Protein backbone atom coordinates (compact mmCIF):
# COMPACT_ATOMS: atom_id res chain seq x y z
CA UNK A 1 0.00 0.00 0.00
CA UNK A 2 1.33 3.40 -0.96
CA UNK A 3 1.68 5.93 1.84
CA UNK A 4 0.73 8.83 -0.44
CA UNK A 5 -1.86 7.74 -3.01
CA UNK A 6 -1.65 10.91 -5.11
CA UNK A 7 2.13 10.73 -5.35
CA UNK A 8 1.98 7.03 -6.23
CA UNK A 9 -0.58 7.73 -8.96
CA UNK A 10 1.66 10.45 -10.42
CA UNK A 11 4.55 7.98 -10.51
CA UNK A 12 2.44 5.33 -12.24
CA UNK A 13 1.40 7.90 -14.84
CA UNK A 14 5.01 9.01 -15.35
CA UNK A 15 6.07 5.38 -15.83
CA UNK A 16 3.42 4.83 -18.49
CA UNK A 17 1.18 2.38 -16.66
CA UNK A 18 -2.26 2.07 -18.23
CA UNK A 19 -4.20 0.31 -15.45
CA UNK A 20 -4.25 0.26 -11.64
CA UNK A 21 -6.04 -2.46 -9.63
CA UNK A 22 -6.89 -1.09 -6.18
CA UNK A 23 -9.39 -1.19 -3.35
CA UNK A 24 -8.75 2.46 -2.60
CA UNK A 25 -6.48 1.61 0.34
CA UNK A 26 -9.37 0.00 2.22
CA UNK A 27 -10.46 -3.52 3.15
CA UNK A 28 -12.92 -3.41 0.24
CA UNK A 29 -13.36 -1.30 -2.87
CA UNK A 30 -16.72 -0.16 -1.54
CA UNK A 31 -15.09 1.14 1.64
CA UNK A 32 -12.38 2.83 -0.45
CA UNK A 33 -14.76 4.34 -3.01
CA UNK A 34 -14.00 7.94 -2.06
CA UNK A 35 -10.27 7.50 -2.73
CA UNK A 36 -11.12 5.52 -5.87
CA UNK A 37 -13.12 8.50 -7.13
CA UNK A 38 -10.22 10.82 -6.40
CA UNK A 39 -7.77 8.52 -8.23
CA UNK A 40 -10.12 8.23 -11.22
CA UNK A 41 -10.26 12.02 -11.39
CA UNK A 42 -6.47 12.35 -11.06
CA UNK A 43 -5.83 9.73 -13.75
CA UNK A 44 -8.29 11.17 -16.23
CA UNK A 45 -8.06 9.25 -19.50
CA UNK A 46 -4.39 8.42 -19.01
CA UNK A 47 -4.90 5.37 -16.80
CA UNK A 48 -7.79 3.04 -15.94
CA UNK A 49 -8.51 2.65 -12.24
CA UNK A 50 -9.92 -0.85 -11.74
CA UNK A 51 -11.71 -1.46 -8.44
CA UNK A 52 -11.13 -4.79 -6.73
CA UNK A 53 -11.88 -6.35 -3.38
CA UNK A 54 -15.21 -7.16 -1.77
CA UNK A 55 -17.34 -6.29 -4.77
CA UNK A 56 -20.80 -7.79 -4.38
CA UNK A 57 -24.14 -7.52 -6.18
CA UNK A 58 -25.49 -5.32 -3.38
CA UNK A 59 -22.68 -2.73 -3.57
CA UNK A 60 -21.51 -2.72 -7.19
CA UNK A 61 -23.91 -0.05 -8.49
CA UNK A 62 -23.07 2.39 -5.71
CA UNK A 63 -19.36 1.63 -6.10
CA UNK A 64 -19.49 2.47 -9.81
CA UNK A 65 -21.58 5.58 -9.19
CA UNK A 66 -19.60 6.94 -6.22
CA UNK A 67 -16.17 5.63 -7.18
CA UNK A 68 -16.39 6.57 -10.83
CA UNK A 69 -14.72 3.32 -11.87
CA UNK A 70 -15.54 1.71 -15.20
CA UNK A 71 -13.71 -1.59 -14.70
CA UNK A 72 -14.11 -4.10 -11.87
CA UNK A 73 -12.14 -7.11 -10.69
CA UNK A 74 -14.03 -9.74 -8.74
CA UNK A 75 -13.93 -13.43 -8.01
CA UNK A 76 -17.44 -14.35 -9.22
CA UNK A 77 -17.46 -17.17 -6.70
CA UNK A 78 -21.18 -17.86 -7.00
CA UNK A 79 -24.04 -17.37 -9.42
CA UNK A 80 -26.52 -14.63 -8.54
CA UNK A 81 -29.79 -14.20 -10.43
CA UNK A 82 -30.62 -10.59 -11.27
CA UNK A 83 -33.45 -8.99 -13.18
CA UNK A 84 -32.38 -7.92 -16.65
CA UNK A 85 -34.61 -4.86 -16.71
CA UNK A 86 -35.70 -5.65 -20.26
CA UNK A 87 -39.09 -6.71 -21.43
PDB file of N, CA and C in Angstrom:
ATOM      1  N   UNK A   1       0.841  -1.169   0.000  1.00  0.00           N
ATOM      2  CA  UNK A   1       0.000   0.000   0.000  1.00  0.00           C
ATOM      3  C   UNK A   1       0.890   1.237   0.000  1.00  0.00           C
ATOM      4  N   UNK A   2       0.576   2.149  -0.858  1.00  0.00           N
ATOM      5  CA  UNK A   2       1.328   3.397  -0.956  1.00  0.00           C
ATOM      6  C   UNK A   2       0.946   4.331   0.187  1.00  0.00           C
ATOM      7  N   UNK A   3       1.939   4.981   0.756  1.00  0.00           N
ATOM      8  CA  UNK A   3       1.682   5.927   1.835  1.00  0.00           C
ATOM      9  C   UNK A   3       0.959   7.164   1.324  1.00  0.00           C
ATOM     10  N   UNK A   4       1.335   7.633   0.146  1.00  0.00           N
ATOM     11  CA  UNK A   4       0.729   8.825  -0.443  1.00  0.00           C
ATOM     12  C   UNK A   4       0.123   8.444  -1.789  1.00  0.00           C
ATOM     13  N   UNK A   5      -1.185   8.235  -1.811  1.00  0.00           N
ATOM     14  CA  UNK A   5      -1.862   7.735  -3.009  1.00  0.00           C
ATOM     15  C   UNK A   5      -1.688   8.667  -4.208  1.00  0.00           C
ATOM     16  N   UNK A   6      -1.786   9.972  -3.992  1.00  0.00           N
ATOM     17  CA  UNK A   6      -1.655  10.915  -5.108  1.00  0.00           C
ATOM     18  C   UNK A   6      -0.256  10.867  -5.711  1.00  0.00           C
ATOM     19  N   UNK A   7       0.750  10.797  -4.872  1.00  0.00           N
ATOM     20  CA  UNK A   7       2.130  10.734  -5.355  1.00  0.00           C
ATOM     21  C   UNK A   7       2.363   9.415  -6.105  1.00  0.00           C
ATOM     22  N   UNK A   8       1.827   8.330  -5.566  1.00  0.00           N
ATOM     23  CA  UNK A   8       1.979   7.030  -6.226  1.00  0.00           C
ATOM     24  C   UNK A   8       1.302   7.034  -7.591  1.00  0.00           C
ATOM     25  N   UNK A   9       0.118   7.648  -7.674  1.00  0.00           N
ATOM     26  CA  UNK A   9      -0.578   7.735  -8.959  1.00  0.00           C
ATOM     27  C   UNK A   9       0.250   8.533  -9.958  1.00  0.00           C
ATOM     28  N   UNK A  10       0.821   9.643  -9.527  1.00  0.00           N
ATOM     29  CA  UNK A  10       1.664  10.449 -10.417  1.00  0.00           C
ATOM     30  C   UNK A  10       2.843   9.630 -10.934  1.00  0.00           C
ATOM     31  N   UNK A  11       3.428   8.817 -10.083  1.00  0.00           N
ATOM     32  CA  UNK A  11       4.555   7.982 -10.507  1.00  0.00           C
ATOM     33  C   UNK A  11       4.110   6.930 -11.519  1.00  0.00           C
ATOM     34  N   UNK A  12       2.951   6.314 -11.284  1.00  0.00           N
ATOM     35  CA  UNK A  12       2.437   5.334 -12.240  1.00  0.00           C
ATOM     36  C   UNK A  12       2.189   5.978 -13.601  1.00  0.00           C
ATOM     37  N   UNK A  13       1.646   7.179 -13.588  1.00  0.00           N
ATOM     38  CA  UNK A  13       1.399   7.895 -14.843  1.00  0.00           C
ATOM     39  C   UNK A  13       2.714   8.230 -15.545  1.00  0.00           C
ATOM     40  N   UNK A  14       3.693   8.684 -14.774  1.00  0.00           N
ATOM     41  CA  UNK A  14       5.006   9.014 -15.355  1.00  0.00           C
ATOM     42  C   UNK A  14       5.681   7.786 -15.956  1.00  0.00           C
ATOM     43  N   UNK A  15       5.453   6.618 -15.352  1.00  0.00           N
ATOM     44  CA  UNK A  15       6.070   5.382 -15.828  1.00  0.00           C
ATOM     45  C   UNK A  15       5.315   4.759 -17.005  1.00  0.00           C
ATOM     46  N   UNK A  16       4.164   5.314 -17.336  1.00  0.00           N
ATOM     47  CA  UNK A  16       3.420   4.831 -18.494  1.00  0.00           C
ATOM     48  C   UNK A  16       2.473   3.680 -18.220  1.00  0.00           C
ATOM     49  N   UNK A  17       2.151   3.430 -16.960  1.00  0.00           N
ATOM     50  CA  UNK A  17       1.177   2.384 -16.662  1.00  0.00           C
ATOM     51  C   UNK A  17      -0.159   2.771 -17.266  1.00  0.00           C
ATOM     52  N   UNK A  18      -0.956   1.759 -17.661  1.00  0.00           N
ATOM     53  CA  UNK A  18      -2.259   2.071 -18.230  1.00  0.00           C
ATOM     54  C   UNK A  18      -3.419   1.567 -17.389  1.00  0.00           C
ATOM     55  N   UNK A  19      -3.129   0.837 -16.292  1.00  0.00           N
ATOM     56  CA  UNK A  19      -4.200   0.307 -15.451  1.00  0.00           C
ATOM     57  C   UNK A  19      -3.692   0.121 -14.026  1.00  0.00           C
ATOM     58  N   UNK A  20      -4.558   0.424 -13.056  1.00  0.00           N
ATOM     59  CA  UNK A  20      -4.248   0.258 -11.644  1.00  0.00           C
ATOM     60  C   UNK A  20      -5.383  -0.517 -10.995  1.00  0.00           C
ATOM     61  N   UNK A  21      -5.072  -1.669 -10.382  1.00  0.00           N
ATOM     62  CA  UNK A  21      -6.036  -2.459  -9.625  1.00  0.00           C
ATOM     63  C   UNK A  21      -5.888  -2.073  -8.165  1.00  0.00           C
ATOM     64  N   UNK A  22      -6.967  -1.558  -7.554  1.00  0.00           N
ATOM     65  CA  UNK A  22      -6.888  -1.090  -6.176  1.00  0.00           C
ATOM     66  C   UNK A  22      -8.236  -1.178  -5.477  1.00  0.00           C
ATOM     67  N   UNK A  23      -8.171  -1.274  -4.169  1.00  0.00           N
ATOM     68  CA  UNK A  23      -9.390  -1.194  -3.352  1.00  0.00           C
ATOM     69  C   UNK A  23      -9.528   0.193  -2.744  1.00  0.00           C
ATOM     70  N   UNK A  24      -8.704   1.124  -3.158  1.00  0.00           N
ATOM     71  CA  UNK A  24      -8.749   2.464  -2.598  1.00  0.00           C
ATOM     72  C   UNK A  24      -8.187   2.510  -1.187  1.00  0.00           C
ATOM     73  N   UNK A  25      -7.168   1.688  -0.951  1.00  0.00           N
ATOM     74  CA  UNK A  25      -6.480   1.608   0.342  1.00  0.00           C
ATOM     75  C   UNK A  25      -7.414   1.243   1.489  1.00  0.00           C
ATOM     76  N   UNK A  26      -8.419   0.426   1.205  1.00  0.00           N
ATOM     77  CA  UNK A  26      -9.372  -0.003   2.223  1.00  0.00           C
ATOM     78  C   UNK A  26      -9.533  -1.521   2.151  1.00  0.00           C
ATOM     79  N   UNK A  27     -10.234  -2.075   3.117  1.00  0.00           N
ATOM     80  CA  UNK A  27     -10.459  -3.518   3.150  1.00  0.00           C
ATOM     81  C   UNK A  27     -11.323  -3.984   1.978  1.00  0.00           C
ATOM     82  N   UNK A  28     -12.119  -3.085   1.424  1.00  0.00           N
ATOM     83  CA  UNK A  28     -12.925  -3.408   0.245  1.00  0.00           C
ATOM     84  C   UNK A  28     -12.976  -2.177  -0.661  1.00  0.00           C
ATOM     85  N   UNK A  29     -13.250  -2.419  -1.927  1.00  0.00           N
ATOM     86  CA  UNK A  29     -13.359  -1.299  -2.867  1.00  0.00           C
ATOM     87  C   UNK A  29     -14.522  -0.391  -2.483  1.00  0.00           C
ATOM     88  N   UNK A  30     -15.588  -0.976  -1.976  1.00  0.00           N
ATOM     89  CA  UNK A  30     -16.723  -0.164  -1.541  1.00  0.00           C
ATOM     90  C   UNK A  30     -16.307   0.788  -0.424  1.00  0.00           C
ATOM     91  N   UNK A  31     -15.566   0.293   0.544  1.00  0.00           N
ATOM     92  CA  UNK A  31     -15.095   1.136   1.642  1.00  0.00           C
ATOM     93  C   UNK A  31     -14.111   2.197   1.153  1.00  0.00           C
ATOM     94  N   UNK A  32     -13.369   1.900   0.088  1.00  0.00           N
ATOM     95  CA  UNK A  32     -12.382   2.835  -0.446  1.00  0.00           C
ATOM     96  C   UNK A  32     -12.890   3.663  -1.606  1.00  0.00           C
ATOM     97  N   UNK A  33     -14.208   3.695  -1.812  1.00  0.00           N
ATOM     98  CA  UNK A  33     -14.762   4.336  -3.012  1.00  0.00           C
ATOM     99  C   UNK A  33     -14.466   5.829  -3.095  1.00  0.00           C
ATOM    100  N   UNK A  34     -14.302   6.499  -2.004  1.00  0.00           N
ATOM    101  CA  UNK A  34     -13.997   7.940  -2.058  1.00  0.00           C
ATOM    102  C   UNK A  34     -12.595   8.162  -2.634  1.00  0.00           C
ATOM    103  N   UNK A  35     -11.617   7.382  -2.165  1.00  0.00           N
ATOM    104  CA  UNK A  35     -10.273   7.502  -2.734  1.00  0.00           C
ATOM    105  C   UNK A  35     -10.266   7.024  -4.175  1.00  0.00           C
ATOM    106  N   UNK A  36     -11.016   5.978  -4.482  1.00  0.00           N
ATOM    107  CA  UNK A  36     -11.115   5.522  -5.869  1.00  0.00           C
ATOM    108  C   UNK A  36     -11.586   6.663  -6.770  1.00  0.00           C
ATOM    109  N   UNK A  37     -12.608   7.384  -6.333  1.00  0.00           N
ATOM    110  CA  UNK A  37     -13.117   8.499  -7.126  1.00  0.00           C
ATOM    111  C   UNK A  37     -12.041   9.557  -7.326  1.00  0.00           C
ATOM    112  N   UNK A  38     -11.290   9.823  -6.294  1.00  0.00           N
ATOM    113  CA  UNK A  38     -10.217  10.818  -6.400  1.00  0.00           C
ATOM    114  C   UNK A  38      -9.137  10.348  -7.386  1.00  0.00           C
ATOM    115  N   UNK A  39      -8.783   9.061  -7.322  1.00  0.00           N
ATOM    116  CA  UNK A  39      -7.770   8.522  -8.228  1.00  0.00           C
ATOM    117  C   UNK A  39      -8.258   8.519  -9.675  1.00  0.00           C
ATOM    118  N   UNK A  40      -9.542   8.192  -9.869  1.00  0.00           N
ATOM    119  CA  UNK A  40     -10.124   8.230 -11.217  1.00  0.00           C
ATOM    120  C   UNK A  40     -10.018   9.647 -11.781  1.00  0.00           C
ATOM    121  N   UNK A  41     -10.339  10.623 -10.955  1.00  0.00           N
ATOM    122  CA  UNK A  41     -10.256  12.023 -11.388  1.00  0.00           C
ATOM    123  C   UNK A  41      -8.813  12.408 -11.704  1.00  0.00           C
ATOM    124  N   UNK A  42      -7.872  12.015 -10.845  1.00  0.00           N
ATOM    125  CA  UNK A  42      -6.467  12.350 -11.058  1.00  0.00           C
ATOM    126  C   UNK A  42      -5.942  11.701 -12.338  1.00  0.00           C
ATOM    127  N   UNK A  43      -6.329  10.466 -12.582  1.00  0.00           N
ATOM    128  CA  UNK A  43      -5.827   9.730 -13.746  1.00  0.00           C
ATOM    129  C   UNK A  43      -6.419  10.243 -15.051  1.00  0.00           C
ATOM    130  N   UNK A  44      -7.632  10.730 -15.000  1.00  0.00           N
ATOM    131  CA  UNK A  44      -8.289  11.166 -16.227  1.00  0.00           C
ATOM    132  C   UNK A  44      -8.375  10.020 -17.218  1.00  0.00           C
ATOM    133  N   UNK A  45      -8.022  10.294 -18.463  1.00  0.00           N
ATOM    134  CA  UNK A  45      -8.057   9.254 -19.498  1.00  0.00           C
ATOM    135  C   UNK A  45      -6.704   8.589 -19.696  1.00  0.00           C
ATOM    136  N   UNK A  46      -5.744   8.952 -18.852  1.00  0.00           N
ATOM    137  CA  UNK A  46      -4.387   8.420 -19.014  1.00  0.00           C
ATOM    138  C   UNK A  46      -4.204   7.035 -18.424  1.00  0.00           C
ATOM    139  N   UNK A  47      -5.051   6.654 -17.484  1.00  0.00           N
ATOM    140  CA  UNK A  47      -4.899   5.371 -16.795  1.00  0.00           C
ATOM    141  C   UNK A  47      -6.270   4.919 -16.334  1.00  0.00           C
ATOM    142  N   UNK A  48      -6.531   3.619 -16.416  1.00  0.00           N
ATOM    143  CA  UNK A  48      -7.788   3.037 -15.940  1.00  0.00           C
ATOM    144  C   UNK A  48      -7.607   2.621 -14.491  1.00  0.00           C
ATOM    145  N   UNK A  49      -8.495   3.081 -13.635  1.00  0.00           N
ATOM    146  CA  UNK A  49      -8.511   2.645 -12.239  1.00  0.00           C
ATOM    147  C   UNK A  49      -9.539   1.531 -12.141  1.00  0.00           C
ATOM    148  N   UNK A  50      -9.067   0.322 -11.856  1.00  0.00           N
ATOM    149  CA  UNK A  50      -9.924  -0.852 -11.742  1.00  0.00           C
ATOM    150  C   UNK A  50     -10.138  -1.161 -10.262  1.00  0.00           C
ATOM    151  N   UNK A  51     -11.384  -1.178  -9.836  1.00  0.00           N
ATOM    152  CA  UNK A  51     -11.705  -1.464  -8.440  1.00  0.00           C
ATOM    153  C   UNK A  51     -11.700  -2.964  -8.207  1.00  0.00           C
ATOM    154  N   UNK A  52     -11.137  -3.375  -7.090  1.00  0.00           N
ATOM    155  CA  UNK A  52     -11.131  -4.788  -6.734  1.00  0.00           C
ATOM    156  C   UNK A  52     -11.163  -4.962  -5.234  1.00  0.00           C
ATOM    157  N   UNK A  53     -11.821  -6.017  -4.800  1.00  0.00           N
ATOM    158  CA  UNK A  53     -11.878  -6.352  -3.383  1.00  0.00           C
ATOM    159  C   UNK A  53     -13.259  -6.160  -2.794  1.00  0.00           C
ATOM    160  N   UNK A  54     -13.931  -7.236  -2.455  1.00  0.00           N
ATOM    161  CA  UNK A  54     -15.213  -7.162  -1.772  1.00  0.00           C
ATOM    162  C   UNK A  54     -16.361  -6.630  -2.606  1.00  0.00           C
ATOM    163  N   UNK A  55     -16.257  -6.762  -3.909  1.00  0.00           N
ATOM    164  CA  UNK A  55     -17.336  -6.289  -4.772  1.00  0.00           C
ATOM    165  C   UNK A  55     -18.438  -7.338  -4.797  1.00  0.00           C
ATOM    166  N   UNK A  56     -19.655  -6.891  -4.471  1.00  0.00           N
ATOM    167  CA  UNK A  56     -20.802  -7.794  -4.381  1.00  0.00           C
ATOM    168  C   UNK A  56     -21.988  -7.204  -5.143  1.00  0.00           C
ATOM    169  N   UNK A  57     -22.959  -8.024  -5.465  1.00  0.00           N
ATOM    170  CA  UNK A  57     -24.140  -7.515  -6.175  1.00  0.00           C
ATOM    171  C   UNK A  57     -24.830  -6.365  -5.450  1.00  0.00           C
ATOM    172  N   UNK A  58     -24.782  -6.357  -4.131  1.00  0.00           N
ATOM    173  CA  UNK A  58     -25.486  -5.318  -3.379  1.00  0.00           C
ATOM    174  C   UNK A  58     -24.696  -4.019  -3.239  1.00  0.00           C
ATOM    175  N   UNK A  59     -23.430  -3.983  -3.688  1.00  0.00           N
ATOM    176  CA  UNK A  59     -22.681  -2.731  -3.575  1.00  0.00           C
ATOM    177  C   UNK A  59     -22.068  -2.259  -4.900  1.00  0.00           C
ATOM    178  N   UNK A  60     -22.195  -3.044  -5.939  1.00  0.00           N
ATOM    179  CA  UNK A  60     -21.510  -2.716  -7.186  1.00  0.00           C
ATOM    180  C   UNK A  60     -22.053  -1.441  -7.842  1.00  0.00           C
ATOM    181  N   UNK A  61     -23.352  -1.244  -7.850  1.00  0.00           N
ATOM    182  CA  UNK A  61     -23.909  -0.054  -8.494  1.00  0.00           C
ATOM    183  C   UNK A  61     -23.456   1.218  -7.784  1.00  0.00           C
ATOM    184  N   UNK A  62     -23.502   1.213  -6.467  1.00  0.00           N
ATOM    185  CA  UNK A  62     -23.067   2.390  -5.712  1.00  0.00           C
ATOM    186  C   UNK A  62     -21.565   2.600  -5.855  1.00  0.00           C
ATOM    187  N   UNK A  63     -20.808   1.523  -5.905  1.00  0.00           N
ATOM    188  CA  UNK A  63     -19.361   1.628  -6.102  1.00  0.00           C
ATOM    189  C   UNK A  63     -19.045   2.292  -7.434  1.00  0.00           C
ATOM    190  N   UNK A  64     -19.712   1.876  -8.485  1.00  0.00           N
ATOM    191  CA  UNK A  64     -19.485   2.465  -9.810  1.00  0.00           C
ATOM    192  C   UNK A  64     -19.926   3.932  -9.811  1.00  0.00           C
ATOM    193  N   UNK A  65     -21.078   4.208  -9.220  1.00  0.00           N
ATOM    194  CA  UNK A  65     -21.584   5.585  -9.189  1.00  0.00           C
ATOM    195  C   UNK A  65     -20.684   6.494  -8.356  1.00  0.00           C
ATOM    196  N   UNK A  66     -20.373   6.094  -7.124  1.00  0.00           N
ATOM    197  CA  UNK A  66     -19.601   6.942  -6.217  1.00  0.00           C
ATOM    198  C   UNK A  66     -18.104   6.916  -6.497  1.00  0.00           C
ATOM    199  N   UNK A  67     -17.604   5.760  -6.934  1.00  0.00           N
ATOM    200  CA  UNK A  67     -16.173   5.627  -7.176  1.00  0.00           C
ATOM    201  C   UNK A  67     -15.745   6.051  -8.565  1.00  0.00           C
ATOM    202  N   UNK A  68     -16.710   6.134  -9.480  1.00  0.00           N
ATOM    203  CA  UNK A  68     -16.390   6.570 -10.828  1.00  0.00           C
ATOM    204  C   UNK A  68     -15.622   5.553 -11.656  1.00  0.00           C
ATOM    205  N   UNK A  69     -15.471   4.344 -11.144  1.00  0.00           N
ATOM    206  CA  UNK A  69     -14.721   3.317 -11.866  1.00  0.00           C
ATOM    207  C   UNK A  69     -15.556   2.756 -13.007  1.00  0.00           C
ATOM    208  N   UNK A  70     -14.873   2.316 -14.041  1.00  0.00           N
ATOM    209  CA  UNK A  70     -15.537   1.714 -15.197  1.00  0.00           C
ATOM    210  C   UNK A  70     -15.135   0.260 -15.400  1.00  0.00           C
ATOM    211  N   UNK A  71     -14.131  -0.190 -14.625  1.00  0.00           N
ATOM    212  CA  UNK A  71     -13.707  -1.586 -14.695  1.00  0.00           C
ATOM    213  C   UNK A  71     -13.655  -2.147 -13.280  1.00  0.00           C
ATOM    214  N   UNK A  72     -14.043  -3.432 -13.161  1.00  0.00           N
ATOM    215  CA  UNK A  72     -14.106  -4.099 -11.869  1.00  0.00           C
ATOM    216  C   UNK A  72     -13.376  -5.426 -11.927  1.00  0.00           C
ATOM    217  N   UNK A  73     -12.793  -5.810 -10.823  1.00  0.00           N
ATOM    218  CA  UNK A  73     -12.138  -7.112 -10.691  1.00  0.00           C
ATOM    219  C   UNK A  73     -12.816  -7.827  -9.532  1.00  0.00           C
ATOM    220  N   UNK A  74     -13.358  -9.004  -9.809  1.00  0.00           N
ATOM    221  CA  UNK A  74     -14.032  -9.738  -8.742  1.00  0.00           C
ATOM    222  C   UNK A  74     -13.877 -11.224  -8.974  1.00  0.00           C
ATOM    223  N   UNK A  75     -14.167 -11.998  -7.933  1.00  0.00           N
ATOM    224  CA  UNK A  75     -13.928 -13.433  -8.006  1.00  0.00           C
ATOM    225  C   UNK A  75     -15.076 -14.207  -8.636  1.00  0.00           C
ATOM    226  N   UNK A  76     -16.271 -13.657  -8.663  1.00  0.00           N
ATOM    227  CA  UNK A  76     -17.437 -14.350  -9.223  1.00  0.00           C
ATOM    228  C   UNK A  76     -17.519 -15.769  -8.673  1.00  0.00           C
ATOM    229  N   UNK A  77     -17.516 -15.874  -7.362  1.00  0.00           N
ATOM    230  CA  UNK A  77     -17.460 -17.173  -6.702  1.00  0.00           C
ATOM    231  C   UNK A  77     -18.793 -17.894  -6.636  1.00  0.00           C
ATOM    232  N   UNK A  78     -19.885 -17.193  -6.971  1.00  0.00           N
ATOM    233  CA  UNK A  78     -21.178 -17.863  -7.003  1.00  0.00           C
ATOM    234  C   UNK A  78     -22.094 -17.170  -8.005  1.00  0.00           C
ATOM    235  N   UNK A  79     -23.088 -17.895  -8.466  1.00  0.00           N
ATOM    236  CA  UNK A  79     -24.041 -17.366  -9.420  1.00  0.00           C
ATOM    237  C   UNK A  79     -25.136 -16.620  -8.656  1.00  0.00           C
ATOM    238  N   UNK A  80     -25.464 -15.425  -9.134  1.00  0.00           N
ATOM    239  CA  UNK A  80     -26.525 -14.629  -8.540  1.00  0.00           C
ATOM    240  C   UNK A  80     -27.494 -14.239  -9.651  1.00  0.00           C
ATOM    241  N   UNK A  81     -28.763 -14.561  -9.458  1.00  0.00           N
ATOM    242  CA  UNK A  81     -29.791 -14.202 -10.433  1.00  0.00           C
ATOM    243  C   UNK A  81     -30.170 -12.744 -10.238  1.00  0.00           C
ATOM    244  N   UNK A  82     -30.184 -11.983 -11.334  1.00  0.00           N
ATOM    245  CA  UNK A  82     -30.616 -10.586 -11.267  1.00  0.00           C
ATOM    246  C   UNK A  82     -31.619 -10.332 -12.369  1.00  0.00           C
ATOM    247  N   UNK A  83     -32.480  -9.353 -12.158  1.00  0.00           N
ATOM    248  CA  UNK A  83     -33.455  -8.991 -13.178  1.00  0.00           C
ATOM    249  C   UNK A  83     -32.730  -8.242 -14.290  1.00  0.00           C
ATOM    250  N   UNK A  84     -33.053  -8.547 -15.515  1.00  0.00           N
ATOM    251  CA  UNK A  84     -32.376  -7.915 -16.650  1.00  0.00           C
ATOM    252  C   UNK A  84     -32.895  -6.504 -16.913  1.00  0.00           C
ATOM    253  N   UNK A  85     -34.070  -6.191 -16.468  1.00  0.00           N
ATOM    254  CA  UNK A  85     -34.610  -4.861 -16.710  1.00  0.00           C
ATOM    255  C   UNK A  85     -35.158  -4.675 -18.108  1.00  0.00           C
ATOM    256  N   UNK A  86     -35.153  -5.748 -18.903  1.00  0.00           N
ATOM    257  CA  UNK A  86     -35.697  -5.652 -20.264  1.00  0.00           C
ATOM    258  C   UNK A  86     -36.960  -6.473 -20.347  1.00  0.00           C
ATOM    259  N   UNK A  87     -37.917  -5.973 -21.083  1.00  0.00           N
ATOM    260  CA  UNK A  87     -39.091  -6.710 -21.432  1.00  0.00           C
ATOM    261  C   UNK A  87     -40.059  -6.938 -20.388  1.00  0.00           C
TER     262      UNK A  87
END
